[in-house]
Amino acid sequence: VCVHGEVCGKGVAVEHDGSAYSCDHF
């Protein structure tokens, strides 16, 4: 699970308009 990994950032969110964000909580 990402929350207990040493690093993150390889799980991004893409919204309906095609915009990509660093994470779905960001």
PDB file of all heavy atoms in Angstrom:
ATOM      1  N   VAL A   1       0.857  -1.187   0.000  1.00  0.00           N
ATOM      2  CA  VAL A   1       0.000   0.000   0.000  1.00  0.00           C
ATOM      3  C   VAL A   1       0.891   1.234   0.000  1.00  0.00           C
ATOM      4  O   VAL A   1       1.914   1.279   0.685  1.00  0.00           O
ATOM      5  CB  VAL A   1      -0.967   0.023   1.203  1.00  0.00           C
ATOM      6  CG1 VAL A   1      -1.979  -1.101   1.092  1.00  0.00           C
ATOM      7  CG2 VAL A   1      -0.220  -0.077   2.532  1.00  0.00           C
ATOM      8  N   CYS A   2       0.503   2.249  -0.772  1.00  0.00           N
ATOM      9  CA  CYS A   2       1.362   3.409  -0.967  1.00  0.00           C
ATOM     10  C   CYS A   2       1.639   4.161   0.327  1.00  0.00           C
ATOM     11  O   CYS A   2       2.733   4.714   0.508  1.00  0.00           O
ATOM     12  CB  CYS A   2       0.763   4.343  -2.012  1.00  0.00           C
ATOM     13  SG  CYS A   2      -0.874   5.018  -1.584  1.00  0.00           S
ATOM     14  N   VAL A   3       0.657   4.192   1.237  1.00  0.00           N
ATOM     15  CA  VAL A   3       0.816   5.021   2.426  1.00  0.00           C
ATOM     16  C   VAL A   3       1.940   4.556   3.331  1.00  0.00           C
ATOM     17  O   VAL A   3       2.473   5.334   4.123  1.00  0.00           O
ATOM     18  CB  VAL A   3      -0.501   5.125   3.233  1.00  0.00           C
ATOM     19  CG1 VAL A   3      -1.569   5.826   2.409  1.00  0.00           C
ATOM     20  CG2 VAL A   3      -0.983   3.764   3.715  1.00  0.00           C
ATOM     21  N   HIS A   4       2.326   3.286   3.245  1.00  0.00           N
ATOM     22  CA  HIS A   4       3.412   2.781   4.071  1.00  0.00           C
ATOM     23  C   HIS A   4       4.673   2.477   3.269  1.00  0.00           C
ATOM     24  O   HIS A   4       5.554   1.761   3.740  1.00  0.00           O
ATOM     25  CB  HIS A   4       2.955   1.552   4.866  1.00  0.00           C
ATOM     26  CG  HIS A   4       1.932   1.862   5.898  1.00  0.00           C
ATOM     27  ND1 HIS A   4       2.070   2.898   6.799  1.00  0.00           N
ATOM     28  CD2 HIS A   4       0.722   1.296   6.161  1.00  0.00           C
ATOM     29  CE1 HIS A   4       1.003   2.942   7.579  1.00  0.00           C
ATOM     30  NE2 HIS A   4       0.172   1.993   7.213  1.00  0.00           N
ATOM     31  N   GLY A   5       4.754   3.026   2.068  1.00  0.00           N
ATOM     32  CA  GLY A   5       5.963   2.921   1.278  1.00  0.00           C
ATOM     33  C   GLY A   5       6.908   4.066   1.601  1.00  0.00           C
ATOM     34  O   GLY A   5       6.500   5.124   2.081  1.00  0.00           O
ATOM     35  N   GLU A   6       8.183   3.880   1.284  1.00  0.00           N
ATOM     36  CA  GLU A   6       9.175   4.910   1.581  1.00  0.00           C
ATOM     37  C   GLU A   6       9.000   6.131   0.685  1.00  0.00           C
ATOM     38  O   GLU A   6       9.232   7.256   1.109  1.00  0.00           O
ATOM     39  CB  GLU A   6      10.587   4.337   1.423  1.00  0.00           C
ATOM     40  CG  GLU A   6      11.700   5.289   1.816  1.00  0.00           C
ATOM     41  CD  GLU A   6      13.071   4.672   1.773  1.00  0.00           C
ATOM     42  OE1 GLU A   6      13.169   3.467   1.446  1.00  0.00           O
ATOM     43  OE2 GLU A   6      14.072   5.368   2.061  1.00  0.00           O
ATOM     44  N   VAL A   7       8.617   5.900  -0.560  1.00  0.00           N
ATOM     45  CA  VAL A   7       8.376   6.990  -1.502  1.00  0.00           C
ATOM     46  C   VAL A   7       7.012   6.784  -2.141  1.00  0.00           C
ATOM     47  O   VAL A   7       6.406   5.713  -2.040  1.00  0.00           O
ATOM     48  CB  VAL A   7       9.462   7.066  -2.598  1.00  0.00           C
ATOM     49  CG1 VAL A   7      10.818   7.364  -1.989  1.00  0.00           C
ATOM     50  CG2 VAL A   7       9.514   5.776  -3.416  1.00  0.00           C
ATOM     51  N   CYS A   8       6.511   7.810  -2.791  1.00  0.00           N
ATOM     52  CA  CYS A   8       5.251   7.687  -3.522  1.00  0.00           C
ATOM     53  C   CYS A   8       5.403   8.424  -4.835  1.00  0.00           C
ATOM     54  O   CYS A   8       6.518   8.676  -5.288  1.00  0.00           O
ATOM     55  CB  CYS A   8       4.072   8.214  -2.688  1.00  0.00           C
ATOM     56  SG  CYS A   8       4.186   9.959  -2.209  1.00  0.00           S
ATOM     57  N   GLY A   9       4.289   8.762  -5.462  1.00  0.00           N
ATOM     58  CA  GLY A   9       4.369   9.567  -6.668  1.00  0.00           C
ATOM     59  C   GLY A   9       4.106   8.855  -7.967  1.00  0.00           C
ATOM     60  O   GLY A   9       4.005   9.490  -9.021  1.00  0.00           O
ATOM     61  N   LYS A  10       4.030   7.502  -7.937  1.00  0.00           N
ATOM     62  CA  LYS A  10       3.750   6.770  -9.169  1.00  0.00           C
ATOM     63  C   LYS A  10       2.291   6.354  -9.270  1.00  0.00           C
ATOM     64  O   LYS A  10       1.939   5.504 -10.083  1.00  0.00           O
ATOM     65  CB  LYS A  10       4.653   5.539  -9.277  1.00  0.00           C
ATOM     66  CG  LYS A  10       6.084   5.875  -9.637  1.00  0.00           C
ATOM     67  CD  LYS A  10       6.867   4.640  -9.985  1.00  0.00           C
ATOM     68  CE  LYS A  10       8.247   4.933 -10.436  1.00  0.00           C
ATOM     69  NZ  LYS A  10       9.000   3.703 -10.802  1.00  0.00           N
ATOM     70  N   GLY A  11       1.451   6.943  -8.451  1.00  0.00           N
ATOM     71  CA  GLY A  11       0.012   6.728  -8.552  1.00  0.00           C
ATOM     72  C   GLY A  11      -0.670   8.068  -8.750  1.00  0.00           C
ATOM     73  O   GLY A  11      -0.930   8.784  -7.787  1.00  0.00           O
ATOM     74  N   VAL A  12      -0.906   8.454  -9.985  1.00  0.00           N
ATOM     75  CA  VAL A  12      -1.456   9.768 -10.283  1.00  0.00           C
ATOM     76  C   VAL A  12      -2.948   9.671 -10.547  1.00  0.00           C
ATOM     77  O   VAL A  12      -3.497   8.590 -10.785  1.00  0.00           O
ATOM     78  CB  VAL A  12      -0.742  10.418 -11.482  1.00  0.00           C
ATOM     79  CG1 VAL A  12       0.747  10.579 -11.190  1.00  0.00           C
ATOM     80  CG2 VAL A  12      -0.952   9.608 -12.764  1.00  0.00           C
ATOM     81  N   ALA A  13      -3.602  10.808 -10.493  1.00  0.00           N
ATOM     82  CA  ALA A  13      -5.032  10.894 -10.778  1.00  0.00           C
ATOM     83  C   ALA A  13      -5.235  11.643 -12.087  1.00  0.00           C
ATOM     84  O   ALA A  13      -4.570  12.654 -12.341  1.00  0.00           O
ATOM     85  CB  ALA A  13      -5.763  11.609  -9.648  1.00  0.00           C
ATOM     86  N   VAL A  14      -6.158  11.158 -12.913  1.00  0.00           N
ATOM     87  CA  VAL A  14      -6.544  11.846 -14.143  1.00  0.00           C
ATOM     88  C   VAL A  14      -8.020  12.178 -14.064  1.00  0.00           C
ATOM     89  O   VAL A  14      -8.860  11.287 -13.881  1.00  0.00           O
ATOM     90  CB  VAL A  14      -6.238  10.997 -15.389  1.00  0.00           C
ATOM     91  CG1 VAL A  14      -6.849  11.632 -16.638  1.00  0.00           C
ATOM     92  CG2 VAL A  14      -4.724  10.839 -15.579  1.00  0.00           C
ATOM     93  N   GLU A  15      -8.330  13.449 -14.169  1.00  0.00           N
ATOM     94  CA  GLU A  15      -9.709  13.915 -14.091  1.00  0.00           C
ATOM     95  C   GLU A  15     -10.430  13.804 -15.427  1.00  0.00           C
ATOM     96  O   GLU A  15      -9.827  13.486 -16.471  1.00  0.00           O
ATOM     97  CB  GLU A  15      -9.738  15.359 -13.583  1.00  0.00           C
ATOM     98  CG  GLU A  15     -10.100  15.501 -12.115  1.00  0.00           C
ATOM     99  CD  GLU A  15     -11.589  15.284 -11.874  1.00  0.00           C
ATOM    100  OE1 GLU A  15     -12.355  15.256 -12.871  1.00  0.00           O
ATOM    101  OE2 GLU A  15     -12.012  15.160 -10.729  1.00  0.00           O
ATOM    102  N   HIS A  16     -11.729  14.108 -15.384  1.00  0.00           N
ATOM    103  CA  HIS A  16     -12.587  13.947 -16.568  1.00  0.00           C
ATOM    104  C   HIS A  16     -12.126  14.790 -17.755  1.00  0.00           C
ATOM    105  O   HIS A  16     -12.356  14.428 -18.908  1.00  0.00           O
ATOM    106  CB  HIS A  16     -14.032  14.299 -16.213  1.00  0.00           C
ATOM    107  CG  HIS A  16     -14.229  15.772 -15.946  1.00  0.00           C
ATOM    108  ND1 HIS A  16     -14.614  16.655 -16.928  1.00  0.00           N
ATOM    109  CD2 HIS A  16     -14.096  16.496 -14.818  1.00  0.00           C
ATOM    110  CE1 HIS A  16     -14.702  17.876 -16.403  1.00  0.00           C
ATOM    111  NE2 HIS A  16     -14.399  17.807 -15.129  1.00  0.00           N
ATOM    112  N   ASP A  17     -11.455  15.916 -17.483  1.00  0.00           N
ATOM    113  CA  ASP A  17     -11.020  16.795 -18.556  1.00  0.00           C
ATOM    114  C   ASP A  17      -9.635  16.444 -19.099  1.00  0.00           C
ATOM    115  O   ASP A  17      -9.130  17.137 -19.983  1.00  0.00           O
ATOM    116  CB  ASP A  17     -11.046  18.251 -18.083  1.00  0.00           C
ATOM    117  CG  ASP A  17     -10.047  18.525 -16.952  1.00  0.00           C
ATOM    118  OD1 ASP A  17      -9.524  17.553 -16.359  1.00  0.00           O
ATOM    119  OD2 ASP A  17      -9.786  19.709 -16.669  1.00  0.00           O
ATOM    120  N   GLY A  18      -9.040  15.372 -18.556  1.00  0.00           N
ATOM    121  CA  GLY A  18      -7.714  14.955 -18.994  1.00  0.00           C
ATOM    122  C   GLY A  18      -6.580  15.494 -18.154  1.00  0.00           C
ATOM    123  O   GLY A  18      -5.415  15.167 -18.407  1.00  0.00           O
ATOM    124  N   SER A  19      -6.883  16.341 -17.159  1.00  0.00           N
ATOM    125  CA  SER A  19      -5.841  16.881 -16.289  1.00  0.00           C
ATOM    126  C   SER A  19      -5.296  15.800 -15.364  1.00  0.00           C
ATOM    127  O   SER A  19      -6.061  15.021 -14.796  1.00  0.00           O
ATOM    128  CB  SER A  19      -6.384  18.040 -15.451  1.00  0.00           C
ATOM    129  OG  SER A  19      -6.742  19.135 -16.260  1.00  0.00           O
ATOM    130  N   ALA A  20      -3.985  15.777 -15.221  1.00  0.00           N
ATOM    131  CA  ALA A  20      -3.321  14.821 -14.337  1.00  0.00           C
ATOM    132  C   ALA A  20      -2.819  15.539 -13.095  1.00  0.00           C
ATOM    133  O   ALA A  20      -2.304  16.655 -13.172  1.00  0.00           O
ATOM    134  CB  ALA A  20      -2.162  14.142 -15.061  1.00  0.00           C
ATOM    135  N   TYR A  21      -2.960  14.865 -11.939  1.00  0.00           N
ATOM    136  CA  TYR A  21      -2.551  15.425 -10.658  1.00  0.00           C
ATOM    137  C   TYR A  21      -1.644  14.433  -9.931  1.00  0.00           C
ATOM    138  O   TYR A  21      -1.670  13.224 -10.193  1.00  0.00           O
ATOM    139  CB  TYR A  21      -3.780  15.740  -9.802  1.00  0.00           C
ATOM    140  CG  TYR A  21      -4.675  16.810 -10.381  1.00  0.00           C
ATOM    141  CD1 TYR A  21      -5.645  16.488 -11.329  1.00  0.00           C
ATOM    142  CD2 TYR A  21      -4.555  18.135  -9.995  1.00  0.00           C
ATOM    143  CE1 TYR A  21      -6.465  17.459 -11.872  1.00  0.00           C
ATOM    144  CE2 TYR A  21      -5.380  19.119 -10.527  1.00  0.00           C
ATOM    145  CZ  TYR A  21      -6.330  18.773 -11.468  1.00  0.00           C
ATOM    146  OH  TYR A  21      -7.148  19.748 -11.997  1.00  0.00           O
ATOM    147  N   SER A  22      -0.870  14.934  -8.998  1.00  0.00           N
ATOM    148  CA  SER A  22       0.137  14.124  -8.311  1.00  0.00           C
ATOM    149  C   SER A  22      -0.433  12.904  -7.604  1.00  0.00           C
ATOM    150  O   SER A  22       0.239  11.876  -7.488  1.00  0.00           O
ATOM    151  CB  SER A  22       0.899  14.983  -7.295  1.00  0.00           C
ATOM    152  OG  SER A  22       1.674  15.962  -7.941  1.00  0.00           O
ATOM    153  N   CYS A  23      -1.669  12.989  -7.128  1.00  0.00           N
ATOM    154  CA  CYS A  23      -2.326  11.897  -6.400  1.00  0.00           C
ATOM    155  C   CYS A  23      -3.796  12.269  -6.301  1.00  0.00           C
ATOM    156  O   CYS A  23      -4.142  13.449  -6.418  1.00  0.00           O
ATOM    157  CB  CYS A  23      -1.691  11.744  -5.011  1.00  0.00           C
ATOM    158  SG  CYS A  23      -2.569  10.638  -3.858  1.00  0.00           S
ATOM    159  N   ASP A  24      -4.675  11.283  -6.067  1.00  0.00           N
ATOM    160  CA  ASP A  24      -6.087  11.666  -5.998  1.00  0.00           C
ATOM    161  C   ASP A  24      -6.412  12.410  -4.710  1.00  0.00           C
ATOM    162  O   ASP A  24      -7.473  13.038  -4.617  1.00  0.00           O
ATOM    163  CB  ASP A  24      -7.016  10.470  -6.217  1.00  0.00           C
ATOM    164  CG  ASP A  24      -7.095   9.517  -5.077  1.00  0.00           C
ATOM    165  OD1 ASP A  24      -6.097   9.387  -4.331  1.00  0.00           O
ATOM    166  OD2 ASP A  24      -8.147   8.850  -4.911  1.00  0.00           O
ATOM    167  N   HIS A  25      -5.523  12.398  -3.717  1.00  0.00           N
ATOM    168  CA  HIS A  25      -5.684  13.240  -2.539  1.00  0.00           C
ATOM    169  C   HIS A  25      -5.035  14.611  -2.722  1.00  0.00           C
ATOM    170  O   HIS A  25      -5.060  15.437  -1.820  1.00  0.00           O
ATOM    171  CB  HIS A  25      -5.113  12.550  -1.294  1.00  0.00           C
ATOM    172  CG  HIS A  25      -5.997  11.476  -0.763  1.00  0.00           C
ATOM    173  ND1 HIS A  25      -7.170  11.723  -0.082  1.00  0.00           N
ATOM    174  CD2 HIS A  25      -5.888  10.127  -0.810  1.00  0.00           C
ATOM    175  CE1 HIS A  25      -7.730  10.598   0.282  1.00  0.00           C
ATOM    176  NE2 HIS A  25      -6.989   9.618  -0.156  1.00  0.00           N
ATOM    177  N   PHE A  26      -4.447  14.829  -3.879  1.00  0.00           N
ATOM    178  CA  PHE A  26      -3.787  16.098  -4.185  1.00  0.00           C
ATOM    179  C   PHE A  26      -4.351  16.714  -5.458  1.00  0.00           C
ATOM    180  O   PHE A  26      -3.634  17.366  -6.211  1.00  0.00           O
ATOM    181  CB  PHE A  26      -2.276  15.884  -4.317  1.00  0.00           C
ATOM    182  CG  PHE A  26      -1.571  15.641  -3.011  1.00  0.00           C
ATOM    183  CD1 PHE A  26      -1.670  14.418  -2.375  1.00  0.00           C
ATOM    184  CD2 PHE A  26      -0.802  16.630  -2.407  1.00  0.00           C
ATOM    185  CE1 PHE A  26      -1.019  14.181  -1.161  1.00  0.00           C
ATOM    186  CE2 PHE A  26      -0.151  16.408  -1.196  1.00  0.00           C
ATOM    187  CZ  PHE A  26      -0.259  15.182  -0.574  1.00  0.00           C
TER     188      PHE A  26
END
